[in-house]
C-alpha atoms as a PDB file:
ATOM      1  CA  MET A   1      87.372  98.987  76.237  1.00  0.00           C
ATOM      2  CA  THR A   2      89.423 101.534  77.901  1.00  0.00           C
ATOM      3  CA  LEU A   3      89.533 103.176  81.350  1.00  0.00           C
ATOM      4  CA  LEU A   4      86.806 105.684  81.266  1.00  0.00           C
ATOM      5  CA  ASP A   5      84.526 103.042  79.196  1.00  0.00           C
ATOM      6  CA  HIS A   6      83.234 101.818  82.510  1.00  0.00           C
ATOM      7  CA  PRO A   7      81.139 104.136  83.812  1.00  0.00           C
ATOM      8  CA  ASP A   8      82.463 103.940  87.325  1.00  0.00           C
ATOM      9  CA  ALA A   9      85.819 104.691  86.940  1.00  0.00           C
ATOM     10  CA  LYS A  10      84.905 107.995  85.093  1.00  0.00           C
ATOM     11  CA  ALA A  11      82.402 108.845  87.828  1.00  0.00           C
ATOM     12  CA  PHE A  12      85.695 108.653  89.814  1.00  0.00           C
ATOM     13  CA  ILE A  13      87.544 110.640  87.743  1.00  0.00           C
ATOM     14  CA  LEU A  14      84.514 113.695  87.567  1.00  0.00           C
ATOM     15  CA  HIS A  15      83.829 113.453  91.547  1.00  0.00           C
ATOM     16  CA  TRP A  16      87.505 113.969  91.934  1.00  0.00           C
ATOM     17  CA  GLY A  17      87.865 116.744  89.797  1.00  0.00           C
ATOM     18  CA  GLU A  18      84.609 118.185  91.672  1.00  0.00           C
ATOM     19  CA  MET A  19      86.336 117.931  95.070  1.00  0.00           C
ATOM     20  CA  GLY A  20      89.629 118.978  93.943  1.00  0.00           C
ATOM     21  CA  THR A  21      88.247 122.468  93.190  1.00  0.00           C
ATOM     22  CA  HIS A  22      86.689 122.319  96.996  1.00  0.00           C
ATOM     23  CA  TRP A  23      90.149 121.404  98.054  1.00  0.00           C
ATOM     24  CA  GLY A  24      91.630 124.199  96.272  1.00  0.00           C
ATOM     25  CA  VAL A  25      93.266 122.625  93.020  1.00  0.00           C
ATOM     26  CA  ASN A  26      92.132 123.202  89.846  1.00  0.00           C
ATOM     27  CA  ARG A  27      89.676 120.352  88.147  1.00  0.00           C
ATOM     28  CA  SER A  28      91.547 119.636  85.450  1.00  0.00           C
ATOM     29  CA  VAL A  29      94.684 118.460  87.539  1.00  0.00           C
ATOM     30  CA  ALA A  30      92.226 116.480  89.718  1.00  0.00           C
ATOM     31  CA  GLN A  31      91.242 114.648  86.954  1.00  0.00           C
ATOM     32  CA  VAL A  32      94.824 113.871  85.179  1.00  0.00           C
ATOM     33  CA  HIS A  33      95.373 112.891  88.945  1.00  0.00           C
ATOM     34  CA  ALA A  34      92.659 110.057  89.386  1.00  0.00           C
ATOM     35  CA  LEU A  35      92.915 108.738  85.848  1.00  0.00           C
ATOM     36  CA  LEU A  36      96.751 108.409  86.819  1.00  0.00           C
ATOM     37  CA  TYR A  37      95.518 106.935  89.608  1.00  0.00           C
ATOM     38  CA  LEU A  38      93.414 104.225  88.109  1.00  0.00           C
ATOM     39  CA  SER A  39      95.294 103.648  85.105  1.00  0.00           C
ATOM     40  CA  GLU A  40      97.184 100.343  85.427  1.00  0.00           C
ATOM     41  CA  LYS A  41      99.891 101.500  83.424  1.00  0.00           C
ATOM     42  CA  PRO A  42     101.959 104.776  82.308  1.00  0.00           C
ATOM     43  CA  VAL A  43     100.038 107.190  80.414  1.00  0.00           C
ATOM     44  CA  ASP A  44     101.315 109.507  77.755  1.00  0.00           C
ATOM     45  CA  ALA A  45      99.991 113.191  77.989  1.00  0.00           C
ATOM     46  CA  GLU A  46      98.630 112.627  74.584  1.00  0.00           C
ATOM     47  CA  ALA A  47      96.493 109.949  75.728  1.00  0.00           C
ATOM     48  CA  ILE A  48      95.382 111.959  78.811  1.00  0.00           C
ATOM     49  CA  VAL A  49      94.722 114.732  75.979  1.00  0.00           C
ATOM     50  CA  GLU A  50      91.909 112.268  74.400  1.00  0.00           C
ATOM     51  CA  ALA A  51      91.014 110.882  77.592  1.00  0.00           C
ATOM     52  CA  LEU A  52      89.750 113.934  79.486  1.00  0.00           C
ATOM     53  CA  GLY A  53      89.322 115.995  76.339  1.00  0.00           C
ATOM     54  CA  LEU A  54      91.488 118.778  77.991  1.00  0.00           C
ATOM     55  CA  ALA A  55      93.721 121.273  76.430  1.00  0.00           C
ATOM     56  CA  ARG A  56      97.261 119.618  75.493  1.00  0.00           C
ATOM     57  CA  SER A  57      98.304 123.115  78.098  1.00  0.00           C
ATOM     58  CA  ASN A  58      96.002 122.210  80.557  1.00  0.00           C
ATOM     59  CA  VAL A  59      97.236 118.503  80.695  1.00  0.00           C
ATOM     60  CA  SER A  60     101.037 119.967  80.652  1.00  0.00           C
ATOM     61  CA  THR A  61     100.280 122.358  83.500  1.00  0.00           C
ATOM     62  CA  ALA A  62      98.251 120.179  85.194  1.00  0.00           C
ATOM     63  CA  LEU A  63     101.209 116.794  85.057  1.00  0.00           C
ATOM     64  CA  LYS A  64     103.791 119.941  86.310  1.00  0.00           C
ATOM     65  CA  GLU A  65     101.654 120.594  89.483  1.00  0.00           C
ATOM     66  CA  LEU A  66     101.321 116.928  90.012  1.00  0.00           C
ATOM     67  CA  GLN A  67     105.308 116.152  90.242  1.00  0.00           C
ATOM     68  CA  THR A  68     105.720 119.574  91.846  1.00  0.00           C
ATOM     69  CA  TYR A  69     103.555 117.524  94.859  1.00  0.00           C
ATOM     70  CA  ALA A  70     105.461 114.384  94.225  1.00  0.00           C
ATOM     71  CA  ILE A  71     102.353 112.450  93.844  1.00  0.00           C
ATOM     72  CA  VAL A  72     102.913 112.075  90.262  1.00  0.00           C
ATOM     73  CA  ARG A  73     106.174 111.177  88.101  1.00  0.00           C
ATOM     74  CA  ARG A  74     107.292 110.732  84.782  1.00  0.00           C
ATOM     75  CA  VAL A  75     108.943 107.247  83.415  1.00  0.00           C
ATOM     76  CA  HIS A  76     109.737 105.859  80.693  1.00  0.00           C
ATOM     77  CA  VAL A  77     108.576 103.032  78.531  1.00  0.00           C
ATOM     78  CA  GLU A  78     110.948 101.063  76.345  1.00  0.00           C
ATOM     79  CA  GLY A  79     110.562 101.284  72.731  1.00  0.00           C
ATOM     80  CA  ASP A  80     108.686 104.793  73.131  1.00  0.00           C
ATOM     81  CA  ARG A  81     110.264 108.242  72.899  1.00  0.00           C
ATOM     82  CA  ARG A  82     107.561 110.041  74.911  1.00  0.00           C
ATOM     83  CA  ASP A  83     107.228 110.518  78.253  1.00  0.00           C
ATOM     84  CA  HIS A  84     104.767 108.732  80.456  1.00  0.00           C
ATOM     85  CA  PHE A  85     103.460 109.372  83.620  1.00  0.00           C
ATOM     86  CA  VAL A  86     102.244 107.138  87.103  1.00  0.00           C
ATOM     87  CA  ALA A  87     100.635 108.606  90.322  1.00  0.00           C
ATOM     88  CA  GLU A  88     102.074 107.420  93.648  1.00  0.00           C
ATOM     89  CA  GLY A  89      99.958 104.587  94.202  1.00  0.00           C
ATOM     90  CA  ASP A  90     100.275 104.187  97.546  1.00  0.00           C
ATOM     91  CA  LEU A  91      97.871 106.016 100.076  1.00  0.00           C
ATOM     92  CA  TRP A  92      99.948 107.040 102.549  1.00  0.00           C
ATOM     93  CA  GLU A  93     102.453 108.005 100.436  1.00  0.00           C
ATOM     94  CA  MET A  94     100.191 109.770  98.389  1.00  0.00           C
ATOM     95  CA  LEU A  95      98.599 112.287 101.731  1.00  0.00           C
ATOM     96  CA  MET A  96     101.988 112.420 103.084  1.00  0.00           C
ATOM     97  CA  ARG A  97     103.515 114.384 100.185  1.00  0.00           C
ATOM     98  CA  ILE A  98      99.902 116.658  99.596  1.00  0.00           C
ATOM     99  CA  VAL A  99     100.121 117.693 103.391  1.00  0.00           C
ATOM    100  CA  ALA A 100     104.075 118.386 102.943  1.00  0.00           C
ATOM    101  CA  GLU A 101     103.607 120.506  99.983  1.00  0.00           C
ATOM    102  CA  ARG A 102     100.714 122.286 101.315  1.00  0.00           C
ATOM    103  CA  LYS A 103     101.907 122.747 104.351  1.00  0.00           C
ATOM    104  CA  ARG A 104     105.286 124.462 102.792  1.00  0.00           C
ATOM    105  CA  ARG A 105     103.380 126.239 101.013  1.00  0.00           C
ATOM    106  CA  GLU A 106     100.716 127.285 102.916  1.00  0.00           C
ATOM    107  CA  ILE A 107     101.118 126.988 106.812  1.00  0.00           C
ATOM    108  CA  ASP A 108     105.008 127.416 106.516  1.00  0.00           C
ATOM    109  CA  PRO A 109     104.718 131.512 105.120  1.00  0.00           C
ATOM    110  CA  THR A 110     101.097 132.060 107.183  1.00  0.00           C
ATOM    111  CA  ILE A 111     103.427 130.965 110.720  1.00  0.00           C
ATOM    112  CA  ALA A 112     106.590 133.323 109.599  1.00  0.00           C
ATOM    113  CA  LEU A 113     104.297 136.042 109.064  1.00  0.00           C
ATOM    114  CA  LEU A 114     102.524 135.660 112.195  1.00  0.00           C
ATOM    115  CA  ALA A 115     105.758 135.645 114.173  1.00  0.00           C
ATOM    116  CA  GLU A 116     107.278 138.379 112.745  1.00  0.00           C
ATOM    117  CA  LEU A 117     103.398 140.247 113.793  1.00  0.00           C
ATOM    118  CA  ALA A 118     103.251 139.126 117.003  1.00  0.00           C
ATOM    119  CA  ASP A 119     107.089 140.600 117.581  1.00  0.00           C
ATOM    120  CA  ARG A 120     105.727 143.635 116.502  1.00  0.00           C
ATOM    121  CA  LEU A 121     102.372 143.729 118.547  1.00  0.00           C
ATOM    122  CA  ARG A 122     104.581 142.236 121.844  1.00  0.00           C
ATOM    123  CA  SER A 123     106.535 145.630 121.686  1.00  0.00           C
ATOM    124  CA  ASP A 124     103.222 147.865 120.499  1.00  0.00           C
ATOM    125  CA  ASP A 125     101.837 150.000 122.983  1.00  0.00           C
ATOM    126  CA  THR A 126      99.402 151.241 120.715  1.00  0.00           C
ATOM    127  CA  ALA A 127      98.254 148.091 118.852  1.00  0.00           C
ATOM    128  CA  PRO A 128      94.518 146.935 120.902  1.00  0.00           C
ATOM    129  CA  ALA A 129      95.135 144.017 123.334  1.00  0.00           C
ATOM    130  CA  HIS A 130      92.860 141.753 121.386  1.00  0.00           C
ATOM    131  CA  LEU A 131      94.589 142.389 118.304  1.00  0.00           C
ATOM    132  CA  ARG A 132      97.473 141.458 119.826  1.00  0.00           C
ATOM    133  CA  ASP A 133      96.411 138.383 121.948  1.00  0.00           C
ATOM    134  CA  ARG A 134      94.340 137.067 118.655  1.00  0.00           C
ATOM    135  CA  VAL A 135      97.701 137.176 116.938  1.00  0.00           C
ATOM    136  CA  VAL A 136      99.672 136.106 119.313  1.00  0.00           C
ATOM    137  CA  ARG A 137      97.410 133.210 120.290  1.00  0.00           C
ATOM    138  CA  MET A 138      97.152 132.650 116.045  1.00  0.00           C
ATOM    139  CA  HIS A 139     100.936 132.004 115.694  1.00  0.00           C
ATOM    140  CA  GLU A 140     100.944 129.834 119.122  1.00  0.00           C
ATOM    141  CA  PHE A 141      98.306 127.494 117.575  1.00  0.00           C
ATOM    142  CA  LEU A 142      99.964 127.053 114.099  1.00  0.00           C
ATOM    143  CA  SER A 143     103.290 126.606 115.332  1.00  0.00           C
ATOM    144  CA  THR A 144     102.183 124.042 117.713  1.00  0.00           C
ATOM    145  CA  LEU A 145     100.013 121.991 114.562  1.00  0.00           C
ATOM    146  CA  GLY A 146     103.180 122.490 112.800  1.00  0.00           C
ATOM    147  CA  GLY A 147     105.693 120.817 115.547  1.00  0.00           C
ATOM    148  CA  TRP A 148     102.879 118.154 116.038  1.00  0.00           C
ATOM    149  CA  TYR A 149     103.006 117.514 112.122  1.00  0.00           C
ATOM    150  CA  GLU A 150     106.963 117.436 111.948  1.00  0.00           C
ATOM    151  CA  GLN A 151     106.559 114.735 114.633  1.00  0.00           C
ATOM    152  CA  VAL A 152     103.939 112.646 113.507  1.00  0.00           C
ATOM    153  CA  ARG A 153     105.393 112.590 110.062  1.00  0.00           C
ATOM    154  CA  THR A 154     108.012 110.818 110.962  1.00  0.00           C
ATOM    155  CA  LEU A 155     106.458 108.151 112.913  1.00  0.00           C
ATOM    156  CA  PRO A 156     106.003 104.819 110.817  1.00  0.00           C
ATOM    157  CA  LYS A 157     103.339 104.180 108.272  1.00  0.00           C
ATOM    158  CA  SER A 158     101.929 100.730 110.700  1.00  0.00           C
ATOM    159  CA  THR A 159     101.963 103.675 113.690  1.00  0.00           C
ATOM    160  CA  LEU A 160      99.906 105.841 111.791  1.00  0.00           C
ATOM    161  CA  VAL A 161      97.236 103.458 111.086  1.00  0.00           C
ATOM    162  CA  THR A 162      96.928 102.287 114.279  1.00  0.00           C
ATOM    163  CA  LEU A 163      96.977 106.167 115.531  1.00  0.00           C
ATOM    164  CA  MET A 164      94.181 106.618 112.794  1.00  0.00           C
ATOM    165  CA  LYS A 165      92.189 103.290 113.806  1.00  0.00           C
ATOM    166  CA  LEU A 166      92.410 104.250 117.679  1.00  0.00           C
ATOM    167  CA  GLY A 167      90.633 107.410 117.125  1.00  0.00           C
ATOM    168  CA  SER A 168      89.588 108.957 120.069  1.00  0.00           C
ATOM    169  CA  LYS A 169      90.537 105.940 122.067  1.00  0.00           C
ATOM    170  CA  VAL A 170      94.041 107.449 122.214  1.00  0.00           C
ATOM    171  CA  ALA A 171      92.929 109.689 125.023  1.00  0.00           C
ATOM    172  CA  ARG A 172      93.343 106.681 127.248  1.00  0.00           C
ATOM    173  CA  PHE A 173      96.698 106.731 127.281  1.00  0.00           C
ATOM    174  CA  LEU A 174      96.913 110.562 128.035  1.00  0.00           C
ATOM    175  CA  PRO A 175      97.096 111.035 132.067  1.00  0.00           C
ATOM    176  CA  GLY A 176      93.643 112.409 133.498  1.00  0.00           C
ATOM    177  CA  SER A 177      92.225 112.082 130.207  1.00  0.00           C
ATOM    178  CA  LYS A 178      88.858 109.915 129.726  1.00  0.00           C
ATOM    179  CA  ALA A 179      88.016 108.572 126.098  1.00  0.00           C
ATOM    180  CA  LYS A 180      84.395 107.865 124.797  1.00  0.00           C
ATOM    181  CA  ASP A 181      83.762 104.904 123.640  1.00  0.00           C
END
């Protein structure tokens, strides 16, 4: 029995692919990731093609994309000349790598553009005040968010888990704040 013979594995892979499209990730990239995540052993590209019914080119592209995110890596299996692939199994590590890559690709260029626009708008007397205000506030907001991320990502995993479990209760530790239980 292969992994995809189990209906729950198939359901997970199909759902992960569907969710990927909502997160801005190609469906086949997400499905390849799901298959590798669920796989107990390294899987070669041809086996991925067969298991998911995808074109070889789609699998190759998906594997490159997943390696760019550093959530899939190439491994060698003794006695087999083909490349095999495994997914990051540590969910926290996977999350942190995805967030870091998304920040690098999406947030950092936006912050850079907003900084440039905010600087120009501050000295542009012809710009409408609301335009200047909104761009400057967006820049400040995203810069603050980026700074917060840079600080949080250095915390040990155990601290991140504790913070997550605390949820809104973390406000108890802030002066003047009241958390709702």
